[in-house]
Amino acid sequence: MEALSAKGVTKRYTNHVALDDVSLTIPEQSIYGLLGPNGAGKTTFIRIVNQIINADAGDISIFGERLTEKHIGVIGYLPEERGLYKKLKVGEQLLYLAQLKGLSRTEALARSKKWIEKFDIKDWWNKKVEDLSKGMAQKVQFISTVMHEPRLIILDEPFSGFDPVNAQLITEQILDLRKNGSTIIFSTHRMETVEDLCDHVALINKSKKIVEGTKKQIKDTYKTNTFSVEHKGTFSINGQYELVSQTKVDDNYYHSIVRTQGSLTSPNELIQQLIGLTDVHAFVEKVPSMSEIFIHLVKGKSDE
């Protein structure tokens, strides 16, 4: 089943189109990266899913049902602009927000205690939010987002302000949530996070969806049949292959970049050619990173 399906979602303001006929398909129990430069339309889409604003056109379904107010309880939303009550104590805050999501006070207390023990922050229970560091406050808000066990979790820049240790802690919790059945929509500018966590990706630019698919599908689409070769001795190659560069590394050892000019049935074809020309020590295809694809697509669209 699809966790979320959006068809033809459009949102216009007086002199601006925030979303232009955007359709997305988010598989259940996936970690789905929603990418795009500032102002692309990501936050508008997220706000429509959370029913903070309404779309002007289009349909959104969640777990096979048309999106309505009843689905607020199955969504956990961590906005980029954090929104805790600064004068409340951490424990009071968690209990209040959990009950807003439909938990009884008893259940809210039990789940809050479980999460603060998991994060090893039991001594924060009676601290006011205003006395916490930014990273500490973000941990509390992350807990408030997920402790009602939502089926769909939307995280907008969840690692902002975290040091590497706490970023790893949040990563582990996100993976556990997915393992336990949640679907996570991940809006971020951190491409290394997309590489590590996301299995499906969509890129929105200038209010339109530019690309969508699994990471492998997208990388396969934009790879250039370029290969990195480490070898002993120089070589030249022609025909359907282009020797892009050849650099001496040490003594008689070289690093070369070779690109195929036409279709390549298998990398074995190129390896066989190279074995007859040089002593091959390493051979790997240069697959573009999500960051490289993102920059290529956004820059390309901006230049049009």
C-alpha atoms as a PDB file:
ATOM      1  CA  MET A   1       0.000   0.000   0.000  1.00  0.00           C
ATOM      2  CA  GLU A   2       1.058   3.590  -0.571  1.00  0.00           C
ATOM      3  CA  ALA A   3       1.523   5.614   2.588  1.00  0.00           C
ATOM      4  CA  LEU A   4       0.744   8.801   0.690  1.00  0.00           C
ATOM      5  CA  SER A   5      -0.401   9.557  -2.830  1.00  0.00           C
ATOM      6  CA  ALA A   6      -0.601  13.112  -4.156  1.00  0.00           C
ATOM      7  CA  LYS A   7      -2.114  13.846  -7.547  1.00  0.00           C
ATOM      8  CA  GLY A   8      -2.005  17.203  -9.280  1.00  0.00           C
ATOM      9  CA  VAL A   9      -1.506  19.234  -6.101  1.00  0.00           C
ATOM     10  CA  THR A  10      -1.461  22.955  -6.868  1.00  0.00           C
ATOM     11  CA  LYS A  11      -1.192  25.962  -4.568  1.00  0.00           C
ATOM     12  CA  ARG A  12      -1.255  29.572  -5.762  1.00  0.00           C
ATOM     13  CA  TYR A  13      -0.826  32.843  -3.946  1.00  0.00           C
ATOM     14  CA  THR A  14      -1.545  36.273  -5.399  1.00  0.00           C
ATOM     15  CA  ASN A  15       1.628  36.609  -7.465  1.00  0.00           C
ATOM     16  CA  HIS A  16       3.255  33.252  -6.883  1.00  0.00           C
ATOM     17  CA  VAL A  17       2.665  29.585  -7.711  1.00  0.00           C
ATOM     18  CA  ALA A  18       4.022  27.568  -4.776  1.00  0.00           C
ATOM     19  CA  LEU A  19       3.117  24.136  -6.194  1.00  0.00           C
ATOM     20  CA  ASP A  20       2.299  23.452  -9.815  1.00  0.00           C
ATOM     21  CA  ASP A  21       0.480  20.165 -10.523  1.00  0.00           C
ATOM     22  CA  VAL A  22       2.721  18.074  -8.241  1.00  0.00           C
ATOM     23  CA  SER A  23       2.109  14.311  -8.023  1.00  0.00           C
ATOM     24  CA  LEU A  24       4.062  12.087  -5.610  1.00  0.00           C
ATOM     25  CA  THR A  25       3.850   8.435  -4.600  1.00  0.00           C
ATOM     26  CA  ILE A  26       5.331   7.538  -1.202  1.00  0.00           C
ATOM     27  CA  PRO A  27       5.568   3.784  -0.503  1.00  0.00           C
ATOM     28  CA  GLU A  28       4.560   2.508   2.907  1.00  0.00           C
ATOM     29  CA  GLN A  29       7.397   1.889   5.395  1.00  0.00           C
ATOM     30  CA  SER A  30       9.902   3.828   3.305  1.00  0.00           C
ATOM     31  CA  ILE A  31      12.196   6.728   4.117  1.00  0.00           C
ATOM     32  CA  TYR A  32      11.321   9.238   1.429  1.00  0.00           C
ATOM     33  CA  GLY A  33      13.577  12.207   0.746  1.00  0.00           C
ATOM     34  CA  LEU A  34      11.725  15.361  -0.300  1.00  0.00           C
ATOM     35  CA  LEU A  35      14.435  17.573  -1.781  1.00  0.00           C
ATOM     36  CA  GLY A  36      14.652  20.975  -3.358  1.00  0.00           C
ATOM     37  CA  PRO A  37      16.273  24.404  -2.991  1.00  0.00           C
ATOM     38  CA  ASN A  38      14.796  27.094  -0.757  1.00  0.00           C
ATOM     39  CA  GLY A  39      11.481  28.295  -2.103  1.00  0.00           C
ATOM     40  CA  ALA A  40      10.941  25.229  -4.276  1.00  0.00           C
ATOM     41  CA  GLY A  41       7.606  24.287  -2.667  1.00  0.00           C
ATOM     42  CA  LYS A  42       8.598  21.557  -0.192  1.00  0.00           C
ATOM     43  CA  THR A  43       7.289  23.308   2.904  1.00  0.00           C
ATOM     44  CA  THR A  44       4.050  24.225   1.132  1.00  0.00           C
ATOM     45  CA  PHE A  45       3.490  20.550   0.301  1.00  0.00           C
ATOM     46  CA  ILE A  46       4.227  19.511   3.885  1.00  0.00           C
ATOM     47  CA  ARG A  47       1.805  22.112   5.251  1.00  0.00           C
ATOM     48  CA  ILE A  48      -0.924  20.871   2.915  1.00  0.00           C
ATOM     49  CA  VAL A  49      -0.405  17.273   4.109  1.00  0.00           C
ATOM     50  CA  ASN A  50      -0.624  18.510   7.716  1.00  0.00           C
ATOM     51  CA  GLN A  51      -3.792  20.463   6.797  1.00  0.00           C
ATOM     52  CA  ILE A  52      -2.267  23.728   7.966  1.00  0.00           C
ATOM     53  CA  ILE A  53      -3.173  25.199   4.560  1.00  0.00           C
ATOM     54  CA  ASN A  54      -5.396  23.902   1.779  1.00  0.00           C
ATOM     55  CA  ALA A  55      -4.447  23.095  -1.798  1.00  0.00           C
ATOM     56  CA  ASP A  56      -6.200  24.963  -4.594  1.00  0.00           C
ATOM     57  CA  ALA A  57      -6.386  21.794  -6.696  1.00  0.00           C
ATOM     58  CA  GLY A  58      -5.437  18.130  -6.532  1.00  0.00           C
ATOM     59  CA  ASP A  59      -6.016  15.173  -4.224  1.00  0.00           C
ATOM     60  CA  ILE A  60      -4.033  13.600  -1.407  1.00  0.00           C
ATOM     61  CA  SER A  61      -4.656  10.129   0.001  1.00  0.00           C
ATOM     62  CA  ILE A  62      -3.095   8.605   3.120  1.00  0.00           C
ATOM     63  CA  PHE A  63      -3.007   4.823   3.477  1.00  0.00           C
ATOM     64  CA  GLY A  64      -5.676   4.463   0.821  1.00  0.00           C
ATOM     65  CA  GLU A  65      -8.070   7.059   2.237  1.00  0.00           C
ATOM     66  CA  ARG A  66      -8.618  10.620   1.128  1.00  0.00           C
ATOM     67  CA  LEU A  67      -6.885  13.029   3.510  1.00  0.00           C
ATOM     68  CA  THR A  68      -9.278  14.408   6.148  1.00  0.00           C
ATOM     69  CA  GLU A  69      -9.093  15.820   9.679  1.00  0.00           C
ATOM     70  CA  LYS A  70      -9.205  12.332  11.197  1.00  0.00           C
ATOM     71  CA  HIS A  71      -5.711  11.649   9.827  1.00  0.00           C
ATOM     72  CA  ILE A  72      -4.089  14.308  12.004  1.00  0.00           C
ATOM     73  CA  GLY A  73      -3.622  11.653  14.689  1.00  0.00           C
ATOM     74  CA  VAL A  74      -1.685   9.297  12.395  1.00  0.00           C
ATOM     75  CA  ILE A  75       0.823  11.995  11.395  1.00  0.00           C
ATOM     76  CA  GLY A  76       3.831  13.160  13.382  1.00  0.00           C
ATOM     77  CA  TYR A  77       5.290  16.464  12.190  1.00  0.00           C
ATOM     78  CA  LEU A  78       8.626  17.972  13.171  1.00  0.00           C
ATOM     79  CA  PRO A  79       8.729  21.445  11.578  1.00  0.00           C
ATOM     80  CA  GLU A  80      11.928  23.257  10.724  1.00  0.00           C
ATOM     81  CA  GLU A  81      10.763  26.135  12.935  1.00  0.00           C
ATOM     82  CA  ARG A  82      10.748  24.512  16.366  1.00  0.00           C
ATOM     83  CA  GLY A  83       7.675  25.244  18.507  1.00  0.00           C
ATOM     84  CA  LEU A  84       8.030  24.234  22.155  1.00  0.00           C
ATOM     85  CA  TYR A  85       6.546  26.240  25.011  1.00  0.00           C
ATOM     86  CA  LYS A  86       9.596  27.786  26.659  1.00  0.00           C
ATOM     87  CA  LYS A  87       8.111  28.251  30.133  1.00  0.00           C
ATOM     88  CA  LEU A  88       6.836  24.680  30.447  1.00  0.00           C
ATOM     89  CA  LYS A  89       8.922  21.932  31.976  1.00  0.00           C
ATOM     90  CA  VAL A  90      10.005  19.115  29.661  1.00  0.00           C
ATOM     91  CA  GLY A  91       7.730  16.546  31.323  1.00  0.00           C
ATOM     92  CA  GLU A  92       4.717  18.861  31.242  1.00  0.00           C
ATOM     93  CA  GLN A  93       5.419  19.630  27.595  1.00  0.00           C
ATOM     94  CA  LEU A  94       5.585  15.979  26.538  1.00  0.00           C
ATOM     95  CA  LEU A  95       2.428  15.045  28.439  1.00  0.00           C
ATOM     96  CA  TYR A  96       0.506  17.975  26.965  1.00  0.00           C
ATOM     97  CA  LEU A  97       1.555  17.348  23.364  1.00  0.00           C
ATOM     98  CA  ALA A  98       0.920  13.588  23.634  1.00  0.00           C
ATOM     99  CA  GLN A  99      -2.601  14.186  24.901  1.00  0.00           C
ATOM    100  CA  LEU A 100      -3.232  16.573  22.011  1.00  0.00           C
ATOM    101  CA  LYS A 101      -2.525  13.575  19.768  1.00  0.00           C
ATOM    102  CA  GLY A 102      -5.176  11.513  21.538  1.00  0.00           C
ATOM    103  CA  LEU A 103      -3.219   9.630  24.203  1.00  0.00           C
ATOM    104  CA  SER A 104      -4.609   9.306  27.715  1.00  0.00           C
ATOM    105  CA  ARG A 105      -2.555  10.910  30.479  1.00  0.00           C
ATOM    106  CA  THR A 106      -1.514   7.464  31.718  1.00  0.00           C
ATOM    107  CA  GLU A 107      -0.360   6.352  28.273  1.00  0.00           C
ATOM    108  CA  ALA A 108       1.297   9.710  27.623  1.00  0.00           C
ATOM    109  CA  LEU A 109       3.265   9.412  30.874  1.00  0.00           C
ATOM    110  CA  ALA A 110       4.372   5.860  30.092  1.00  0.00           C
ATOM    111  CA  ARG A 111       5.549   6.701  26.574  1.00  0.00           C
ATOM    112  CA  SER A 112       7.258   9.924  27.647  1.00  0.00           C
ATOM    113  CA  LYS A 113       9.206   8.054  30.325  1.00  0.00           C
ATOM    114  CA  LYS A 114      10.189   5.365  27.816  1.00  0.00           C
ATOM    115  CA  TRP A 115      11.546   7.903  25.347  1.00  0.00           C
ATOM    116  CA  ILE A 116      13.487  10.013  27.827  1.00  0.00           C
ATOM    117  CA  GLU A 117      15.102   6.826  29.124  1.00  0.00           C
ATOM    118  CA  LYS A 118      15.942   5.819  25.545  1.00  0.00           C
ATOM    119  CA  PHE A 119      17.603   9.217  25.024  1.00  0.00           C
ATOM    120  CA  ASP A 120      19.226   9.094  28.491  1.00  0.00           C
ATOM    121  CA  ILE A 121      17.730  12.452  29.513  1.00  0.00           C
ATOM    122  CA  LYS A 122      15.788  11.510  32.662  1.00  0.00           C
ATOM    123  CA  ASP A 123      17.272  14.449  34.573  1.00  0.00           C
ATOM    124  CA  TRP A 124      15.643  16.861  32.107  1.00  0.00           C
ATOM    125  CA  TRP A 125      12.066  16.011  33.185  1.00  0.00           C
ATOM    126  CA  ASN A 126      11.673  19.006  35.505  1.00  0.00           C
ATOM    127  CA  LYS A 127      13.789  21.466  33.509  1.00  0.00           C
ATOM    128  CA  LYS A 128      12.095  24.330  31.691  1.00  0.00           C
ATOM    129  CA  VAL A 129      12.517  24.316  27.923  1.00  0.00           C
ATOM    130  CA  GLU A 130      14.045  27.807  28.051  1.00  0.00           C
ATOM    131  CA  ASP A 131      16.901  26.364  30.122  1.00  0.00           C
ATOM    132  CA  LEU A 132      17.817  23.765  27.487  1.00  0.00           C
ATOM    133  CA  SER A 133      20.386  24.139  24.745  1.00  0.00           C
ATOM    134  CA  LYS A 134      19.155  24.148  21.154  1.00  0.00           C
ATOM    135  CA  GLY A 135      20.183  20.513  20.667  1.00  0.00           C
ATOM    136  CA  MET A 136      18.537  19.432  23.921  1.00  0.00           C
ATOM    137  CA  ALA A 137      15.294  21.199  22.974  1.00  0.00           C
ATOM    138  CA  GLN A 138      15.335  19.524  19.564  1.00  0.00           C
ATOM    139  CA  LYS A 139      15.588  16.104  21.217  1.00  0.00           C
ATOM    140  CA  VAL A 140      12.473  16.937  23.238  1.00  0.00           C
ATOM    141  CA  GLN A 141      10.623  18.067  20.131  1.00  0.00           C
ATOM    142  CA  PHE A 142      11.647  14.917  18.253  1.00  0.00           C
ATOM    143  CA  ILE A 143      10.214  12.826  21.104  1.00  0.00           C
ATOM    144  CA  SER A 144       6.969  14.832  21.030  1.00  0.00           C
ATOM    145  CA  THR A 145       6.747  14.164  17.274  1.00  0.00           C
ATOM    146  CA  VAL A 146       6.999  10.379  17.450  1.00  0.00           C
ATOM    147  CA  MET A 147       5.825   9.187  20.857  1.00  0.00           C
ATOM    148  CA  HIS A 148       2.197   8.723  19.747  1.00  0.00           C
ATOM    149  CA  GLU A 149       3.581   6.172  17.245  1.00  0.00           C
ATOM    150  CA  PRO A 150       2.357   7.855  14.043  1.00  0.00           C
ATOM    151  CA  ARG A 151       2.169   5.786  10.875  1.00  0.00           C
ATOM    152  CA  LEU A 152       3.411   8.774   8.845  1.00  0.00           C
ATOM    153  CA  ILE A 153       6.241  10.938  10.192  1.00  0.00           C
ATOM    154  CA  ILE A 154       7.290  14.179   8.489  1.00  0.00           C
ATOM    155  CA  LEU A 155      10.709  15.505   9.489  1.00  0.00           C
ATOM    156  CA  ASP A 156      11.765  18.926   8.211  1.00  0.00           C
ATOM    157  CA  GLU A 157      15.546  19.360   8.652  1.00  0.00           C
ATOM    158  CA  PRO A 158      15.619  17.072  11.731  1.00  0.00           C
ATOM    159  CA  PHE A 159      19.410  17.209  12.152  1.00  0.00           C
ATOM    160  CA  SER A 160      19.699  20.990  12.301  1.00  0.00           C
ATOM    161  CA  GLY A 161      21.810  21.955  15.311  1.00  0.00           C
ATOM    162  CA  PHE A 162      22.809  18.416  16.299  1.00  0.00           C
ATOM    163  CA  ASP A 163      26.409  17.391  16.868  1.00  0.00           C
ATOM    164  CA  PRO A 164      27.557  14.153  15.130  1.00  0.00           C
ATOM    165  CA  VAL A 165      26.874  11.979  18.205  1.00  0.00           C
ATOM    166  CA  ASN A 166      23.281  13.155  18.592  1.00  0.00           C
ATOM    167  CA  ALA A 167      22.725  13.105  14.834  1.00  0.00           C
ATOM    168  CA  GLN A 168      23.689   9.421  14.899  1.00  0.00           C
ATOM    169  CA  LEU A 169      21.283   8.833  17.802  1.00  0.00           C
ATOM    170  CA  ILE A 170      18.407  10.392  15.855  1.00  0.00           C
ATOM    171  CA  THR A 171      19.393   8.379  12.775  1.00  0.00           C
ATOM    172  CA  GLU A 172      19.155   5.144  14.756  1.00  0.00           C
ATOM    173  CA  GLN A 173      15.703   6.124  16.043  1.00  0.00           C
ATOM    174  CA  ILE A 174      14.494   6.942  12.519  1.00  0.00           C
ATOM    175  CA  LEU A 175      15.634   3.532  11.287  1.00  0.00           C
ATOM    176  CA  ASP A 176      13.890   1.837  14.233  1.00  0.00           C
ATOM    177  CA  LEU A 177      10.679   3.737  13.514  1.00  0.00           C
ATOM    178  CA  ARG A 178      10.763   2.554   9.902  1.00  0.00           C
ATOM    179  CA  LYS A 179      11.496  -1.008  11.047  1.00  0.00           C
ATOM    180  CA  ASN A 180       8.462  -0.861  13.351  1.00  0.00           C
ATOM    181  CA  GLY A 181       6.140   0.204  10.532  1.00  0.00           C
ATOM    182  CA  SER A 182       6.318   3.980  10.184  1.00  0.00           C
ATOM    183  CA  THR A 183       6.787   5.807   6.898  1.00  0.00           C
ATOM    184  CA  ILE A 184       9.115   8.813   7.092  1.00  0.00           C
ATOM    185  CA  ILE A 185       9.069  11.836   4.800  1.00  0.00           C
ATOM    186  CA  PHE A 186      12.419  13.510   5.099  1.00  0.00           C
ATOM    187  CA  SER A 187      12.898  17.122   3.983  1.00  0.00           C
ATOM    188  CA  THR A 188      16.543  18.156   4.132  1.00  0.00           C
ATOM    189  CA  HIS A 189      19.405  19.955   2.413  1.00  0.00           C
ATOM    190  CA  ARG A 190      21.976  17.507   3.793  1.00  0.00           C
ATOM    191  CA  MET A 191      22.757  15.269   0.847  1.00  0.00           C
ATOM    192  CA  GLU A 192      24.938  12.928   2.903  1.00  0.00           C
ATOM    193  CA  THR A 193      21.842  12.187   4.989  1.00  0.00           C
ATOM    194  CA  VAL A 194      19.860  11.412   1.847  1.00  0.00           C
ATOM    195  CA  GLU A 195      22.588   9.008   0.708  1.00  0.00           C
ATOM    196  CA  ASP A 196      22.641   7.240   4.076  1.00  0.00           C
ATOM    197  CA  LEU A 197      18.936   7.095   4.957  1.00  0.00           C
ATOM    198  CA  CYS A 198      16.538   7.590   2.070  1.00  0.00           C
ATOM    199  CA  ASP A 199      15.415   4.765  -0.203  1.00  0.00           C
ATOM    200  CA  HIS A 200      13.054   6.891  -2.328  1.00  0.00           C
ATOM    201  CA  VAL A 201      13.633  10.489  -3.423  1.00  0.00           C
ATOM    202  CA  ALA A 202      11.726  13.315  -5.099  1.00  0.00           C
ATOM    203  CA  LEU A 203      13.164  16.648  -6.204  1.00  0.00           C
ATOM    204  CA  ILE A 204      10.954  19.732  -6.406  1.00  0.00           C
ATOM    205  CA  ASN A 205      12.266  22.857  -8.097  1.00  0.00           C
ATOM    206  CA  LYS A 206      10.423  26.087  -8.913  1.00  0.00           C
ATOM    207  CA  SER A 207       7.114  24.564  -7.738  1.00  0.00           C
ATOM    208  CA  LYS A 208       7.333  21.511 -10.053  1.00  0.00           C
ATOM    209  CA  LYS A 209       8.390  17.924  -9.475  1.00  0.00           C
ATOM    210  CA  ILE A 210      11.577  17.349 -11.459  1.00  0.00           C
ATOM    211  CA  VAL A 211      12.353  13.729 -10.651  1.00  0.00           C
ATOM    212  CA  GLU A 212      11.056  10.892  -8.435  1.00  0.00           C
ATOM    213  CA  GLY A 213      12.064   7.282  -7.840  1.00  0.00           C
ATOM    214  CA  THR A 214      14.306   5.019  -5.826  1.00  0.00           C
ATOM    215  CA  LYS A 215      17.871   6.218  -5.324  1.00  0.00           C
ATOM    216  CA  LYS A 216      19.081   3.472  -7.658  1.00  0.00           C
ATOM    217  CA  GLN A 217      16.595   4.385 -10.385  1.00  0.00           C
ATOM    218  CA  ILE A 218      17.602   8.043 -10.237  1.00  0.00           C
ATOM    219  CA  LYS A 219      21.328   7.312 -10.179  1.00  0.00           C
ATOM    220  CA  ASP A 220      20.973   4.885 -13.092  1.00  0.00           C
ATOM    221  CA  THR A 221      19.137   7.588 -15.051  1.00  0.00           C
ATOM    222  CA  TYR A 222      21.868  10.170 -14.585  1.00  0.00           C
ATOM    223  CA  LYS A 223      25.013   8.070 -14.668  1.00  0.00           C
ATOM    224  CA  THR A 224      27.327   8.738 -17.618  1.00  0.00           C
ATOM    225  CA  ASN A 225      28.966   5.320 -18.139  1.00  0.00           C
ATOM    226  CA  THR A 226      32.193   6.704 -16.709  1.00  0.00           C
ATOM    227  CA  PHE A 227      34.746   4.437 -15.028  1.00  0.00           C
ATOM    228  CA  SER A 228      37.736   4.975 -12.769  1.00  0.00           C
ATOM    229  CA  VAL A 229      40.726   2.742 -13.518  1.00  0.00           C
ATOM    230  CA  GLU A 230      43.922   2.292 -11.509  1.00  0.00           C
ATOM    231  CA  HIS A 231      46.612   0.612 -13.588  1.00  0.00           C
ATOM    232  CA  LYS A 232      50.309   0.057 -14.213  1.00  0.00           C
ATOM    233  CA  GLY A 233      51.682   1.647 -17.343  1.00  0.00           C
ATOM    234  CA  THR A 234      50.016   4.048 -19.753  1.00  0.00           C
ATOM    235  CA  PHE A 235      47.523   3.125 -22.441  1.00  0.00           C
ATOM    236  CA  SER A 236      45.415   4.716 -25.147  1.00  0.00           C
ATOM    237  CA  ILE A 237      41.982   3.588 -26.234  1.00  0.00           C
ATOM    238  CA  ASN A 238      39.637   4.468 -29.082  1.00  0.00           C
ATOM    239  CA  GLY A 239      36.512   3.266 -30.803  1.00  0.00           C
ATOM    240  CA  GLN A 240      33.459   3.583 -28.558  1.00  0.00           C
ATOM    241  CA  TYR A 241      35.608   4.563 -25.560  1.00  0.00           C
ATOM    242  CA  GLU A 242      36.997   7.983 -24.578  1.00  0.00           C
ATOM    243  CA  LEU A 243      40.054   8.399 -22.375  1.00  0.00           C
ATOM    244  CA  VAL A 244      38.931  11.438 -20.365  1.00  0.00           C
ATOM    245  CA  SER A 245      42.078  11.754 -18.254  1.00  0.00           C
ATOM    246  CA  GLN A 246      45.203   9.842 -17.259  1.00  0.00           C
ATOM    247  CA  THR A 247      47.227  10.927 -14.231  1.00  0.00           C
ATOM    248  CA  LYS A 248      50.471   9.513 -12.912  1.00  0.00           C
ATOM    249  CA  VAL A 249      50.106   8.498  -9.260  1.00  0.00           C
ATOM    250  CA  ASP A 250      53.422   6.903  -8.366  1.00  0.00           C
ATOM    251  CA  ASP A 251      56.367   5.544 -10.345  1.00  0.00           C
ATOM    252  CA  ASN A 252      54.693   3.623 -13.195  1.00  0.00           C
ATOM    253  CA  TYR A 253      51.191   3.621 -11.654  1.00  0.00           C
ATOM    254  CA  TYR A 254      48.358   5.704 -13.132  1.00  0.00           C
ATOM    255  CA  HIS A 255      44.763   6.688 -12.538  1.00  0.00           C
ATOM    256  CA  SER A 256      42.561   7.065 -15.605  1.00  0.00           C
ATOM    257  CA  ILE A 257      38.956   8.061 -16.286  1.00  0.00           C
ATOM    258  CA  VAL A 258      37.319   6.261 -19.217  1.00  0.00           C
ATOM    259  CA  ARG A 259      33.890   7.007 -20.623  1.00  0.00           C
ATOM    260  CA  THR A 260      31.907   4.901 -23.085  1.00  0.00           C
ATOM    261  CA  GLN A 261      30.605   6.769 -26.122  1.00  0.00           C
ATOM    262  CA  GLY A 262      27.659   4.464 -26.778  1.00  0.00           C
ATOM    263  CA  SER A 263      25.547   1.930 -24.914  1.00  0.00           C
ATOM    264  CA  LEU A 264      27.376  -0.558 -22.729  1.00  0.00           C
ATOM    265  CA  THR A 265      25.813  -3.988 -22.254  1.00  0.00           C
ATOM    266  CA  SER A 266      28.132  -4.794 -19.360  1.00  0.00           C
ATOM    267  CA  PRO A 267      31.222  -3.233 -17.715  1.00  0.00           C
ATOM    268  CA  ASN A 268      32.933  -6.541 -18.588  1.00  0.00           C
ATOM    269  CA  GLU A 269      33.194  -5.290 -22.176  1.00  0.00           C
ATOM    270  CA  LEU A 270      35.394  -2.398 -21.065  1.00  0.00           C
ATOM    271  CA  ILE A 271      37.381  -4.539 -18.613  1.00  0.00           C
ATOM    272  CA  GLN A 272      38.223  -6.977 -21.403  1.00  0.00           C
ATOM    273  CA  GLN A 273      39.471  -4.097 -23.558  1.00  0.00           C
ATOM    274  CA  LEU A 274      41.600  -2.710 -20.731  1.00  0.00           C
ATOM    275  CA  ILE A 275      43.146  -6.062 -19.783  1.00  0.00           C
ATOM    276  CA  GLY A 276      44.608  -6.225 -23.267  1.00  0.00           C
ATOM    277  CA  LEU A 277      46.083  -2.730 -22.919  1.00  0.00           C
ATOM    278  CA  THR A 278      47.357  -2.395 -19.355  1.00  0.00           C
ATOM    279  CA  ASP A 279      47.823  -4.089 -15.977  1.00  0.00           C
ATOM    280  CA  VAL A 280      44.511  -3.254 -14.213  1.00  0.00           C
ATOM    281  CA  HIS A 281      44.717  -2.909 -10.413  1.00  0.00           C
ATOM    282  CA  ALA A 282      41.279  -1.367  -9.718  1.00  0.00           C
ATOM    283  CA  PHE A 283      38.141  -0.710 -11.751  1.00  0.00           C
ATOM    284  CA  VAL A 284      34.954   0.990 -10.540  1.00  0.00           C
ATOM    285  CA  GLU A 285      32.032   2.775 -12.152  1.00  0.00           C
ATOM    286  CA  LYS A 286      31.671   6.427 -11.195  1.00  0.00           C
ATOM    287  CA  VAL A 287      28.018   6.612 -10.091  1.00  0.00           C
ATOM    288  CA  PRO A 288      26.834  10.191  -9.436  1.00  0.00           C
ATOM    289  CA  SER A 289      25.994  11.105  -5.858  1.00  0.00           C
ATOM    290  CA  MET A 290      22.599  12.544  -4.955  1.00  0.00           C
ATOM    291  CA  SER A 291      24.357  15.857  -4.317  1.00  0.00           C
ATOM    292  CA  GLU A 292      25.792  15.883  -7.863  1.00  0.00           C
ATOM    293  CA  ILE A 293      22.400  15.009  -9.356  1.00  0.00           C
ATOM    294  CA  PHE A 294      20.666  17.654  -7.240  1.00  0.00           C
ATOM    295  CA  ILE A 295      23.117  20.377  -8.339  1.00  0.00           C
ATOM    296  CA  HIS A 296      22.919  19.284 -11.995  1.00  0.00           C
ATOM    297  CA  LEU A 297      19.111  19.338 -12.099  1.00  0.00           C
ATOM    298  CA  VAL A 298      18.593  22.513 -10.112  1.00  0.00           C
ATOM    299  CA  LYS A 299      21.316  24.420 -11.985  1.00  0.00           C
ATOM    300  CA  GLY A 300      20.022  23.138 -15.299  1.00  0.00           C
ATOM    301  CA  LYS A 301      16.486  24.224 -14.569  1.00  0.00           C
ATOM    302  CA  SER A 302      17.656  27.591 -13.283  1.00  0.00           C
ATOM    303  CA  ASP A 303      19.546  28.254 -16.508  1.00  0.00           C
ATOM    304  CA  GLU A 304      16.525  27.697 -18.699  1.00  0.00           C
END
